[in-house]
N, C-alpha and C. Protein backbone atom coordinates (compact mmCIF):
# COMPACT_ATOMS: atom_id res chain seq x y z
N MET A 1 58.36 92.73 99.84
CA MET A 1 59.50 92.83 98.93
C MET A 1 60.51 91.71 99.17
N HIS A 2 60.81 91.43 100.42
CA HIS A 2 61.88 90.47 100.75
C HIS A 2 61.39 89.49 101.82
N ILE A 3 61.45 88.21 101.49
CA ILE A 3 61.11 87.14 102.43
C ILE A 3 62.36 86.30 102.67
N ALA A 4 62.62 86.00 103.94
CA ALA A 4 63.71 85.09 104.31
C ALA A 4 63.08 83.84 104.92
N ILE A 5 63.69 82.70 104.68
CA ILE A 5 63.13 81.43 105.16
C ILE A 5 64.20 80.57 105.81
N ILE A 6 63.91 80.12 107.03
CA ILE A 6 64.71 79.09 107.69
C ILE A 6 63.99 77.77 107.43
N MET A 7 64.58 76.95 106.58
CA MET A 7 63.92 75.73 106.10
C MET A 7 64.26 74.58 107.07
N ASP A 8 63.36 74.30 107.98
CA ASP A 8 63.65 73.34 109.05
C ASP A 8 62.67 72.16 108.99
N GLY A 9 63.17 70.97 109.28
CA GLY A 9 62.28 69.83 109.44
C GLY A 9 62.53 68.66 108.51
N ASN A 10 63.57 68.72 107.69
CA ASN A 10 63.83 67.61 106.76
C ASN A 10 64.07 66.29 107.48
N GLY A 11 64.90 66.33 108.52
CA GLY A 11 65.22 65.11 109.26
C GLY A 11 64.00 64.51 109.94
N ARG A 12 63.20 65.36 110.58
CA ARG A 12 62.00 64.86 111.27
C ARG A 12 60.96 64.34 110.28
N TRP A 13 60.89 64.97 109.11
CA TRP A 13 59.98 64.50 108.06
C TRP A 13 60.36 63.07 107.67
N ALA A 14 61.65 62.82 107.48
CA ALA A 14 62.11 61.49 107.09
C ALA A 14 61.89 60.48 108.22
N LYS A 15 62.20 60.87 109.44
CA LYS A 15 62.06 59.97 110.59
C LYS A 15 60.61 59.53 110.76
N ALA A 16 59.67 60.45 110.57
CA ALA A 16 58.25 60.14 110.73
C ALA A 16 57.78 59.11 109.71
N ARG A 17 58.53 58.98 108.63
CA ARG A 17 58.17 58.03 107.56
C ARG A 17 59.08 56.81 107.54
N GLY A 18 59.93 56.69 108.56
CA GLY A 18 60.83 55.56 108.63
C GLY A 18 61.89 55.57 107.56
N LEU A 19 62.25 56.76 107.09
CA LEU A 19 63.22 56.92 106.01
C LEU A 19 64.52 57.50 106.55
N PRO A 20 65.62 57.33 105.84
CA PRO A 20 66.88 57.95 106.26
C PRO A 20 66.82 59.46 106.11
N ARG A 21 67.66 60.17 106.84
CA ARG A 21 67.66 61.63 106.77
C ARG A 21 67.93 62.13 105.35
N THR A 22 68.70 61.35 104.60
CA THR A 22 68.99 61.77 103.22
C THR A 22 67.71 61.92 102.40
N ALA A 23 66.73 61.06 102.66
CA ALA A 23 65.45 61.16 101.95
C ALA A 23 64.75 62.47 102.29
N GLY A 24 64.87 62.89 103.54
CA GLY A 24 64.28 64.16 103.95
C GLY A 24 64.95 65.33 103.26
N HIS A 25 66.26 65.27 103.10
CA HIS A 25 66.97 66.35 102.43
C HIS A 25 66.60 66.41 100.94
N LYS A 26 66.41 65.25 100.31
CA LYS A 26 65.97 65.23 98.91
C LYS A 26 64.58 65.85 98.77
N ALA A 27 63.68 65.48 99.68
CA ALA A 27 62.33 66.05 99.65
C ALA A 27 62.37 67.55 99.93
N GLY A 28 63.27 67.95 100.82
CA GLY A 28 63.42 69.36 101.12
C GLY A 28 63.92 70.15 99.93
N ALA A 29 64.82 69.56 99.14
CA ALA A 29 65.33 70.23 97.94
C ALA A 29 64.21 70.46 96.93
N GLU A 30 63.32 69.48 96.81
CA GLU A 30 62.18 69.63 95.90
C GLU A 30 61.22 70.71 96.40
N ALA A 31 61.01 70.76 97.72
CA ALA A 31 60.16 71.81 98.29
C ALA A 31 60.76 73.19 98.03
N THR A 32 62.08 73.28 98.12
CA THR A 32 62.76 74.55 97.85
C THR A 32 62.52 75.00 96.42
N ARG A 33 62.65 74.07 95.48
CA ARG A 33 62.41 74.41 94.08
C ARG A 33 61.01 74.98 93.88
N LYS A 34 60.02 74.35 94.51
CA LYS A 34 58.64 74.80 94.36
C LYS A 34 58.40 76.16 95.01
N ILE A 35 59.03 76.40 96.16
CA ILE A 35 58.83 77.67 96.86
C ILE A 35 59.50 78.82 96.10
N ILE A 36 60.64 78.57 95.48
CA ILE A 36 61.27 79.60 94.65
C ILE A 36 60.32 80.01 93.52
N ALA A 37 59.73 79.01 92.86
CA ALA A 37 58.78 79.30 91.79
C ALA A 37 57.56 80.04 92.31
N ALA A 38 57.06 79.62 93.48
CA ALA A 38 55.88 80.27 94.06
C ALA A 38 56.17 81.71 94.45
N ALA A 39 57.34 81.95 95.01
CA ALA A 39 57.70 83.31 95.42
C ALA A 39 57.74 84.24 94.20
N LYS A 40 58.30 83.76 93.12
CA LYS A 40 58.34 84.58 91.89
C LYS A 40 56.93 84.82 91.37
N LYS A 41 56.11 83.79 91.41
CA LYS A 41 54.72 83.89 90.95
C LYS A 41 53.94 84.92 91.77
N LEU A 42 54.23 84.99 93.07
CA LEU A 42 53.49 85.88 93.97
C LEU A 42 54.07 87.30 93.99
N GLY A 43 55.11 87.53 93.23
CA GLY A 43 55.64 88.89 93.12
C GLY A 43 56.67 89.26 94.16
N VAL A 44 57.20 88.28 94.88
CA VAL A 44 58.28 88.56 95.83
C VAL A 44 59.51 88.98 95.03
N GLN A 45 60.19 90.02 95.48
CA GLN A 45 61.35 90.52 94.73
C GLN A 45 62.67 89.90 95.21
N TYR A 46 62.75 89.63 96.50
CA TYR A 46 63.96 89.04 97.08
C TYR A 46 63.57 87.86 97.96
N LEU A 47 64.27 86.76 97.81
CA LEU A 47 64.04 85.58 98.63
C LEU A 47 65.39 85.10 99.14
N THR A 48 65.51 84.99 100.46
CA THR A 48 66.75 84.49 101.07
C THR A 48 66.45 83.21 101.81
N ILE A 49 67.13 82.13 101.46
CA ILE A 49 66.89 80.84 102.09
C ILE A 49 68.15 80.36 102.80
N PHE A 50 67.94 79.69 103.93
CA PHE A 50 69.03 79.21 104.77
C PHE A 50 69.26 77.74 104.43
N ALA A 51 70.21 77.49 103.54
CA ALA A 51 70.42 76.13 103.05
C ALA A 51 71.36 75.31 103.93
N PHE A 52 72.40 75.97 104.47
CA PHE A 52 73.41 75.25 105.26
C PHE A 52 74.10 76.27 106.15
N SER A 53 74.04 76.05 107.44
CA SER A 53 74.57 77.04 108.38
C SER A 53 76.03 76.78 108.72
N HIS A 54 76.65 77.78 109.32
CA HIS A 54 78.02 77.64 109.81
C HIS A 54 78.12 76.48 110.79
N GLU A 55 77.08 76.32 111.62
CA GLU A 55 77.08 75.25 112.62
C GLU A 55 76.80 73.87 112.02
N ASN A 56 76.20 73.84 110.84
CA ASN A 56 75.91 72.54 110.21
C ASN A 56 77.16 71.76 109.85
N TRP A 57 78.31 72.43 109.81
CA TRP A 57 79.56 71.71 109.55
C TRP A 57 79.85 70.70 110.66
N ASN A 58 79.19 70.88 111.82
CA ASN A 58 79.41 69.96 112.95
C ASN A 58 78.57 68.70 112.87
N ARG A 59 77.74 68.57 111.85
CA ARG A 59 76.92 67.36 111.69
C ARG A 59 77.82 66.18 111.27
N PRO A 60 77.30 64.96 111.37
CA PRO A 60 78.11 63.79 110.96
C PRO A 60 78.68 63.97 109.56
N LYS A 61 79.91 63.53 109.39
CA LYS A 61 80.63 63.72 108.13
C LYS A 61 79.86 63.17 106.93
N ALA A 62 79.22 62.02 107.11
CA ALA A 62 78.48 61.41 106.00
C ALA A 62 77.30 62.29 105.58
N GLU A 63 76.61 62.87 106.55
CA GLU A 63 75.47 63.72 106.23
C GLU A 63 75.92 65.00 105.53
N VAL A 64 77.01 65.60 106.02
CA VAL A 64 77.54 66.80 105.38
C VAL A 64 77.95 66.50 103.95
N GLY A 65 78.60 65.35 103.76
CA GLY A 65 79.02 64.96 102.41
C GLY A 65 77.83 64.81 101.48
N PHE A 66 76.76 64.20 101.98
CA PHE A 66 75.55 64.03 101.17
C PHE A 66 74.96 65.39 100.81
N LEU A 67 74.89 66.30 101.79
CA LEU A 67 74.32 67.62 101.53
C LEU A 67 75.12 68.39 100.50
N MET A 68 76.45 68.25 100.54
CA MET A 68 77.28 68.94 99.56
C MET A 68 77.06 68.37 98.15
N GLU A 69 76.94 67.06 98.06
CA GLU A 69 76.68 66.45 96.75
C GLU A 69 75.30 66.84 96.23
N LEU A 70 74.33 66.90 97.14
CA LEU A 70 72.98 67.31 96.75
C LEU A 70 73.00 68.76 96.26
N LEU A 71 73.73 69.59 96.96
CA LEU A 71 73.86 70.99 96.55
C LEU A 71 74.45 71.10 95.16
N LYS A 72 75.53 70.37 94.92
CA LYS A 72 76.18 70.42 93.61
C LYS A 72 75.22 69.94 92.51
N MET A 73 74.48 68.89 92.80
CA MET A 73 73.52 68.36 91.83
C MET A 73 72.42 69.38 91.54
N GLN A 74 71.93 70.06 92.60
CA GLN A 74 70.88 71.05 92.42
C GLN A 74 71.38 72.24 91.59
N LEU A 75 72.61 72.66 91.85
CA LEU A 75 73.17 73.76 91.07
C LEU A 75 73.22 73.41 89.59
N LYS A 76 73.67 72.19 89.30
CA LYS A 76 73.82 71.78 87.90
C LYS A 76 72.47 71.58 87.22
N SER A 77 71.49 71.03 87.96
CA SER A 77 70.23 70.67 87.33
C SER A 77 69.22 71.82 87.27
N GLN A 78 69.32 72.79 88.19
CA GLN A 78 68.29 73.81 88.27
C GLN A 78 68.69 75.18 87.75
N ILE A 79 70.01 75.42 87.63
CA ILE A 79 70.42 76.77 87.28
C ILE A 79 69.90 77.19 85.90
N GLY A 80 69.78 76.23 84.97
CA GLY A 80 69.25 76.56 83.64
C GLY A 80 67.83 77.09 83.72
N ASP A 81 66.99 76.42 84.48
CA ASP A 81 65.60 76.86 84.63
C ASP A 81 65.52 78.20 85.37
N LEU A 82 66.33 78.35 86.40
CA LEU A 82 66.34 79.61 87.15
C LEU A 82 66.72 80.76 86.23
N HIS A 83 67.74 80.53 85.42
CA HIS A 83 68.19 81.58 84.49
C HIS A 83 67.09 81.90 83.48
N LYS A 84 66.48 80.86 82.92
CA LYS A 84 65.41 81.05 81.94
C LYS A 84 64.24 81.84 82.52
N ASN A 85 64.00 81.67 83.82
CA ASN A 85 62.89 82.35 84.47
C ASN A 85 63.28 83.69 85.10
N GLY A 86 64.48 84.16 84.78
CA GLY A 86 64.88 85.49 85.21
C GLY A 86 65.32 85.60 86.65
N VAL A 87 65.68 84.49 87.27
CA VAL A 87 66.11 84.50 88.67
C VAL A 87 67.61 84.79 88.74
N ARG A 88 67.99 85.68 89.61
CA ARG A 88 69.40 85.96 89.85
C ARG A 88 69.82 85.26 91.15
N LEU A 89 70.92 84.56 91.10
CA LEU A 89 71.40 83.80 92.26
C LEU A 89 72.62 84.46 92.88
N LYS A 90 72.60 84.55 94.21
CA LYS A 90 73.76 85.00 94.97
C LYS A 90 73.90 84.09 96.19
N VAL A 91 75.07 83.56 96.40
CA VAL A 91 75.33 82.72 97.56
C VAL A 91 76.06 83.55 98.61
N ILE A 92 75.55 83.53 99.84
CA ILE A 92 76.18 84.28 100.94
C ILE A 92 76.68 83.30 102.00
N GLY A 93 77.79 83.63 102.60
CA GLY A 93 78.38 82.77 103.61
C GLY A 93 79.87 82.57 103.35
N ASP A 94 80.48 81.78 104.19
CA ASP A 94 81.91 81.49 104.09
C ASP A 94 82.13 80.33 103.13
N ARG A 95 82.76 80.60 102.00
CA ARG A 95 82.99 79.56 101.00
C ARG A 95 84.30 78.80 101.21
N ALA A 96 85.07 79.19 102.21
CA ALA A 96 86.42 78.63 102.36
C ALA A 96 86.41 77.12 102.58
N ARG A 97 85.38 76.60 103.23
CA ARG A 97 85.34 75.17 103.54
C ARG A 97 84.65 74.35 102.45
N LEU A 98 84.13 75.02 101.44
CA LEU A 98 83.50 74.30 100.34
C LEU A 98 84.58 73.71 99.43
N SER A 99 84.26 72.61 98.80
CA SER A 99 85.21 72.00 97.87
C SER A 99 85.36 72.87 96.63
N ASP A 100 86.47 72.71 95.93
CA ASP A 100 86.74 73.53 94.75
C ASP A 100 85.65 73.38 93.69
N ASP A 101 85.17 72.15 93.48
CA ASP A 101 84.17 71.94 92.43
C ASP A 101 82.86 72.64 92.74
N ILE A 102 82.47 72.70 94.03
CA ILE A 102 81.25 73.40 94.40
C ILE A 102 81.43 74.91 94.23
N ARG A 103 82.59 75.42 94.62
CA ARG A 103 82.84 76.85 94.44
C ARG A 103 82.79 77.23 92.97
N VAL A 104 83.31 76.37 92.12
CA VAL A 104 83.27 76.63 90.68
C VAL A 104 81.82 76.68 90.18
N GLU A 105 80.99 75.73 90.62
CA GLU A 105 79.59 75.70 90.20
C GLU A 105 78.85 76.95 90.68
N ILE A 106 79.14 77.39 91.90
CA ILE A 106 78.50 78.59 92.43
C ILE A 106 78.89 79.81 91.60
N GLU A 107 80.17 79.94 91.31
CA GLU A 107 80.64 81.08 90.54
C GLU A 107 80.06 81.09 89.14
N LYS A 108 79.94 79.92 88.52
CA LYS A 108 79.34 79.82 87.19
C LYS A 108 77.87 80.25 87.23
N ALA A 109 77.14 79.79 88.27
CA ALA A 109 75.72 80.12 88.39
C ALA A 109 75.52 81.61 88.64
N GLU A 110 76.35 82.19 89.50
CA GLU A 110 76.23 83.62 89.78
C GLU A 110 76.55 84.45 88.54
N LYS A 111 77.57 84.05 87.81
CA LYS A 111 77.96 84.78 86.60
C LYS A 111 76.88 84.68 85.53
N LEU A 112 76.30 83.49 85.38
CA LEU A 112 75.28 83.27 84.37
C LEU A 112 74.05 84.14 84.62
N THR A 113 73.68 84.30 85.89
CA THR A 113 72.41 84.97 86.23
C THR A 113 72.57 86.42 86.66
N VAL A 114 73.78 86.95 86.61
CA VAL A 114 74.05 88.26 87.21
C VAL A 114 73.19 89.39 86.61
N SER A 115 72.78 89.27 85.38
CA SER A 115 72.01 90.35 84.74
C SER A 115 70.50 90.14 84.84
N ASN A 116 70.07 89.04 85.42
CA ASN A 116 68.63 88.77 85.53
C ASN A 116 67.98 89.75 86.50
N ASP A 117 66.77 90.18 86.17
CA ASP A 117 66.09 91.18 87.00
C ASP A 117 64.74 90.69 87.51
N GLY A 118 64.58 89.37 87.57
CA GLY A 118 63.36 88.82 88.17
C GLY A 118 63.58 88.66 89.66
N LEU A 119 63.29 87.52 90.18
CA LEU A 119 63.49 87.24 91.61
C LEU A 119 64.98 87.23 91.92
N PHE A 120 65.37 87.90 92.99
CA PHE A 120 66.75 87.87 93.47
C PHE A 120 66.81 86.81 94.58
N LEU A 121 67.50 85.72 94.30
CA LEU A 121 67.56 84.60 95.23
C LEU A 121 68.91 84.56 95.94
N GLN A 122 68.88 84.75 97.27
CA GLN A 122 70.09 84.61 98.08
C GLN A 122 70.04 83.27 98.80
N VAL A 123 71.14 82.54 98.75
CA VAL A 123 71.22 81.25 99.42
C VAL A 123 72.31 81.31 100.48
N GLY A 124 71.92 81.11 101.73
CA GLY A 124 72.89 81.06 102.83
C GLY A 124 73.55 79.71 102.85
N LEU A 125 74.86 79.68 102.61
CA LEU A 125 75.60 78.43 102.53
C LEU A 125 76.88 78.57 103.36
N GLY A 126 77.00 77.75 104.41
CA GLY A 126 78.11 77.94 105.34
C GLY A 126 77.98 79.29 106.03
N TYR A 127 76.72 79.74 106.16
CA TYR A 127 76.44 81.09 106.66
C TYR A 127 76.16 81.10 108.16
N GLY A 128 76.67 82.12 108.84
CA GLY A 128 76.35 82.36 110.25
C GLY A 128 76.25 83.85 110.48
N GLY A 129 75.19 84.28 111.15
CA GLY A 129 74.99 85.71 111.39
C GLY A 129 76.07 86.34 112.25
N ARG A 130 76.47 85.64 113.31
CA ARG A 130 77.53 86.18 114.17
C ARG A 130 78.83 86.29 113.39
N GLN A 131 79.13 85.25 112.62
CA GLN A 131 80.37 85.25 111.84
C GLN A 131 80.37 86.39 110.82
N GLU A 132 79.20 86.64 110.21
CA GLU A 132 79.11 87.73 109.24
C GLU A 132 79.38 89.07 109.90
N ILE A 133 78.81 89.28 111.08
CA ILE A 133 79.00 90.55 111.80
C ILE A 133 80.46 90.74 112.18
N LEU A 134 81.09 89.69 112.71
CA LEU A 134 82.50 89.80 113.09
C LEU A 134 83.38 90.10 111.88
N GLN A 135 83.08 89.46 110.77
CA GLN A 135 83.86 89.71 109.55
C GLN A 135 83.67 91.14 109.07
N ALA A 136 82.43 91.62 109.12
CA ALA A 136 82.15 92.99 108.67
C ALA A 136 82.84 94.02 109.55
N VAL A 137 82.89 93.76 110.85
CA VAL A 137 83.60 94.66 111.77
C VAL A 137 85.09 94.70 111.41
N ALA A 138 85.66 93.52 111.16
CA ALA A 138 87.08 93.45 110.82
C ALA A 138 87.37 94.16 109.49
N LEU A 139 86.53 93.94 108.50
CA LEU A 139 86.76 94.52 107.17
C LEU A 139 86.55 96.04 107.17
N SER A 140 85.64 96.51 108.01
CA SER A 140 85.34 97.94 108.05
C SER A 140 86.26 98.70 108.99
N GLY A 141 87.10 97.97 109.73
CA GLY A 141 88.00 98.63 110.67
C GLY A 141 87.28 99.36 111.77
N GLY A 142 86.07 98.92 112.07
CA GLY A 142 85.30 99.56 113.13
C GLY A 142 84.61 100.84 112.68
N ASP A 143 84.68 101.17 111.39
CA ASP A 143 84.04 102.37 110.85
C ASP A 143 82.57 102.07 110.61
N ALA A 144 81.68 102.70 111.39
CA ALA A 144 80.25 102.42 111.28
C ALA A 144 79.72 102.71 109.88
N GLY A 145 80.28 103.70 109.22
CA GLY A 145 79.82 104.06 107.89
C GLY A 145 80.15 103.02 106.84
N LYS A 146 81.16 102.19 107.13
CA LYS A 146 81.57 101.15 106.18
C LYS A 146 81.06 99.77 106.55
N PHE A 147 80.45 99.67 107.73
CA PHE A 147 80.07 98.35 108.26
C PHE A 147 79.08 97.63 107.34
N GLU A 148 77.97 98.27 107.02
CA GLU A 148 76.94 97.59 106.22
C GLU A 148 77.45 97.23 104.83
N ALA A 149 78.38 98.02 104.31
CA ALA A 149 78.95 97.72 102.99
C ALA A 149 79.80 96.46 103.03
N ALA A 150 80.21 96.06 104.24
CA ALA A 150 81.05 94.87 104.39
C ALA A 150 80.24 93.61 104.67
N LEU A 151 78.92 93.74 104.79
CA LEU A 151 78.07 92.58 105.01
C LEU A 151 77.89 91.79 103.72
N PHE A 152 77.62 90.49 103.83
CA PHE A 152 77.35 89.67 102.65
C PHE A 152 76.16 90.22 101.86
N THR A 153 75.20 90.81 102.59
CA THR A 153 73.93 91.23 101.98
C THR A 153 73.94 92.69 101.54
N HIS A 154 75.10 93.29 101.42
CA HIS A 154 75.18 94.70 101.02
C HIS A 154 74.38 94.96 99.74
N GLY A 155 73.56 96.00 99.78
CA GLY A 155 72.78 96.38 98.62
C GLY A 155 71.43 95.70 98.52
N ILE A 156 71.15 94.79 99.43
CA ILE A 156 69.88 94.07 99.44
C ILE A 156 69.01 94.62 100.57
N PRO A 157 67.73 94.93 100.31
CA PRO A 157 66.87 95.44 101.40
C PRO A 157 66.71 94.41 102.50
N GLU A 158 66.53 94.88 103.71
CA GLU A 158 66.34 93.97 104.84
C GLU A 158 65.03 93.19 104.67
N PRO A 159 64.98 91.97 105.19
CA PRO A 159 63.76 91.17 105.03
C PRO A 159 62.55 91.83 105.69
N ASP A 160 61.42 91.79 105.00
CA ASP A 160 60.16 92.24 105.59
C ASP A 160 59.58 91.14 106.47
N LEU A 161 59.77 89.89 106.04
CA LEU A 161 59.16 88.74 106.69
C LEU A 161 60.16 87.60 106.77
N LEU A 162 60.29 87.02 107.96
CA LEU A 162 61.11 85.83 108.15
C LEU A 162 60.18 84.66 108.51
N ILE A 163 60.25 83.61 107.73
CA ILE A 163 59.45 82.40 107.96
C ILE A 163 60.37 81.30 108.47
N ARG A 164 59.94 80.61 109.52
CA ARG A 164 60.65 79.40 109.94
C ARG A 164 59.65 78.26 109.98
N THR A 165 59.99 77.16 109.33
CA THR A 165 59.14 75.98 109.35
C THR A 165 59.60 75.02 110.44
N GLY A 166 58.83 73.94 110.62
CA GLY A 166 59.25 72.88 111.53
C GLY A 166 58.82 73.04 112.97
N GLY A 167 58.11 74.12 113.30
CA GLY A 167 57.58 74.28 114.64
C GLY A 167 58.52 74.89 115.66
N GLU A 168 59.80 75.02 115.35
CA GLU A 168 60.74 75.64 116.28
C GLU A 168 60.60 77.16 116.21
N LYS A 169 60.85 77.83 117.35
CA LYS A 169 60.68 79.28 117.41
C LYS A 169 61.99 79.93 117.85
N ARG A 170 62.96 79.87 116.96
CA ARG A 170 64.24 80.53 117.20
C ARG A 170 64.83 80.96 115.86
N ILE A 171 65.86 81.80 115.94
CA ILE A 171 66.44 82.41 114.75
C ILE A 171 67.64 81.63 114.23
N SER A 172 68.31 80.89 115.09
CA SER A 172 69.42 80.01 114.69
C SER A 172 70.53 80.73 113.92
N ASN A 173 70.91 81.90 114.40
CA ASN A 173 72.09 82.60 113.87
C ASN A 173 71.92 83.00 112.41
N PHE A 174 70.69 83.35 112.02
CA PHE A 174 70.40 83.70 110.63
C PHE A 174 70.10 85.19 110.50
N LEU A 175 70.88 85.89 109.69
CA LEU A 175 70.64 87.30 109.37
C LEU A 175 70.42 88.16 110.62
N LEU A 176 71.26 87.99 111.61
CA LEU A 176 71.03 88.65 112.91
C LEU A 176 70.99 90.17 112.79
N TRP A 177 71.85 90.74 111.98
CA TRP A 177 71.86 92.20 111.81
C TRP A 177 70.65 92.65 110.99
N GLN A 178 70.34 91.90 109.96
CA GLN A 178 69.35 92.34 108.97
C GLN A 178 67.90 92.25 109.46
N ILE A 179 67.61 91.41 110.45
CA ILE A 179 66.21 91.19 110.84
C ILE A 179 65.81 91.97 112.09
N ALA A 180 66.50 93.06 112.36
CA ALA A 180 66.20 93.86 113.56
C ALA A 180 64.72 94.23 113.66
N TYR A 181 64.08 94.55 112.53
CA TYR A 181 62.66 94.92 112.54
C TYR A 181 61.83 94.06 111.60
N THR A 182 62.32 92.88 111.30
CA THR A 182 61.59 91.96 110.43
C THR A 182 60.45 91.30 111.19
N GLU A 183 59.32 91.11 110.52
CA GLU A 183 58.21 90.38 111.11
C GLU A 183 58.51 88.88 111.05
N LEU A 184 58.17 88.17 112.12
CA LEU A 184 58.46 86.74 112.22
C LEU A 184 57.20 85.91 112.08
N TYR A 185 57.33 84.78 111.38
CA TYR A 185 56.20 83.87 111.17
C TYR A 185 56.70 82.45 111.33
N PHE A 186 56.07 81.70 112.24
CA PHE A 186 56.50 80.33 112.52
C PHE A 186 55.41 79.35 112.07
N SER A 187 55.83 78.37 111.29
CA SER A 187 54.90 77.36 110.79
C SER A 187 55.25 76.00 111.38
N ASP A 188 54.22 75.24 111.75
CA ASP A 188 54.44 73.89 112.26
C ASP A 188 54.72 72.90 111.14
N LYS A 189 54.50 73.29 109.90
CA LYS A 189 54.77 72.40 108.77
C LYS A 189 56.26 72.09 108.69
N LEU A 190 56.60 70.82 108.49
CA LEU A 190 57.98 70.45 108.21
C LEU A 190 58.31 70.90 106.79
N TRP A 191 59.55 71.27 106.55
CA TRP A 191 59.88 71.92 105.29
C TRP A 191 59.43 71.15 104.05
N PRO A 192 59.62 69.84 103.95
CA PRO A 192 59.18 69.15 102.73
C PRO A 192 57.68 69.26 102.47
N ASP A 193 56.89 69.56 103.50
CA ASP A 193 55.44 69.69 103.35
C ASP A 193 54.99 71.13 103.13
N PHE A 194 55.91 72.08 103.17
CA PHE A 194 55.58 73.50 103.05
C PHE A 194 55.47 73.86 101.57
N GLY A 195 54.29 74.33 101.18
CA GLY A 195 54.06 74.60 99.76
C GLY A 195 53.55 76.01 99.50
N GLU A 196 53.09 76.23 98.28
CA GLU A 196 52.64 77.56 97.88
C GLU A 196 51.51 78.08 98.76
N ALA A 197 50.58 77.21 99.13
CA ALA A 197 49.46 77.64 99.98
C ALA A 197 49.96 78.13 101.33
N ASP A 198 50.99 77.48 101.85
CA ASP A 198 51.56 77.88 103.14
C ASP A 198 52.29 79.22 103.01
N LEU A 199 52.98 79.40 101.89
CA LEU A 199 53.65 80.69 101.65
C LEU A 199 52.62 81.80 101.54
N ARG A 200 51.53 81.54 100.84
CA ARG A 200 50.45 82.53 100.74
C ARG A 200 49.89 82.87 102.12
N ALA A 201 49.70 81.85 102.96
CA ALA A 201 49.17 82.07 104.31
C ALA A 201 50.09 82.96 105.12
N ALA A 202 51.40 82.75 104.98
CA ALA A 202 52.37 83.57 105.71
C ALA A 202 52.32 85.02 105.23
N ILE A 203 52.20 85.21 103.93
CA ILE A 203 52.13 86.56 103.37
C ILE A 203 50.83 87.25 103.80
N GLU A 204 49.73 86.51 103.81
CA GLU A 204 48.45 87.08 104.24
C GLU A 204 48.49 87.47 105.71
N ASP A 205 49.14 86.66 106.54
CA ASP A 205 49.31 86.99 107.96
C ASP A 205 50.13 88.27 108.10
N TYR A 206 51.21 88.35 107.33
CA TYR A 206 52.07 89.54 107.35
C TYR A 206 51.28 90.79 106.96
N ALA A 207 50.40 90.65 105.97
CA ALA A 207 49.66 91.81 105.46
C ALA A 207 48.73 92.42 106.51
N LEU A 208 48.38 91.65 107.53
CA LEU A 208 47.50 92.14 108.59
C LEU A 208 48.25 92.87 109.70
N ARG A 209 49.55 92.84 109.65
CA ARG A 209 50.36 93.43 110.72
C ARG A 209 50.65 94.91 110.45
N GLU A 210 50.89 95.63 111.52
CA GLU A 210 51.27 97.04 111.41
C GLU A 210 52.73 97.16 111.81
N ARG A 211 53.55 97.58 110.90
CA ARG A 211 54.98 97.72 111.17
C ARG A 211 55.27 99.14 111.62
N ARG A 212 55.86 99.28 112.82
CA ARG A 212 56.11 100.60 113.39
C ARG A 212 57.61 100.93 113.51
N PHE A 213 58.45 99.94 113.36
CA PHE A 213 59.90 100.16 113.41
C PHE A 213 60.32 100.94 114.66
N GLY A 214 59.70 100.58 115.79
CA GLY A 214 60.06 101.22 117.06
C GLY A 214 59.27 102.46 117.37
N GLY A 215 58.44 102.93 116.40
CA GLY A 215 57.65 104.12 116.64
C GLY A 215 56.36 103.81 117.41
N ALA A 216 55.62 104.85 117.74
CA ALA A 216 54.39 104.67 118.50
C ALA A 216 53.23 104.31 117.59
N ASP A 217 52.24 103.61 118.16
CA ASP A 217 51.03 103.28 117.45
C ASP A 217 50.08 104.47 117.55
N GLU A 218 49.83 105.11 116.40
CA GLU A 218 48.96 106.30 116.43
C GLU A 218 47.50 105.92 116.33
């Protein structure tokens, strides 16, 4: 039902080809477009992708600026197709550090697609799992019954499968609360090289697993 993806490896993909990191990010954006289409084709109901983390703000200013411009361009160029294909967009994370023009584009895209009932696409932007938890605790006043309602992902089922590309085997502060019992899948493919066949392989691997949620194996 729900797949989450940590899209890693754009920089290394570019370096291996003697290209600037910006070329890797452009290739990564194209890979993202294809994976969104593939997820919808394969019947995935919810897809959450980690586009820009809370910690990514610490990257060189020029790289952050390029990523923000790329994001704005992708919102403008792809939202029409996403809407036409029934995709609903929701951006999760701290928007306070985003420029006004990007916030406007996000709000327009969310409003345009709010009634779509195809793939539900969540994009982590300026997102950090620890930061989300701390904010939810503050907003709920420590009331456990109100805590989950204060999360960015309120109303969305927890991920069944988390995929990380690029060969690294860590969570990197992504959906820390939500992935308590999520199955993990690590791919050595760098994100720009990750395609529909790789997504299918991850789903097929997941299908062979037995999820017990802490219970005993009978």
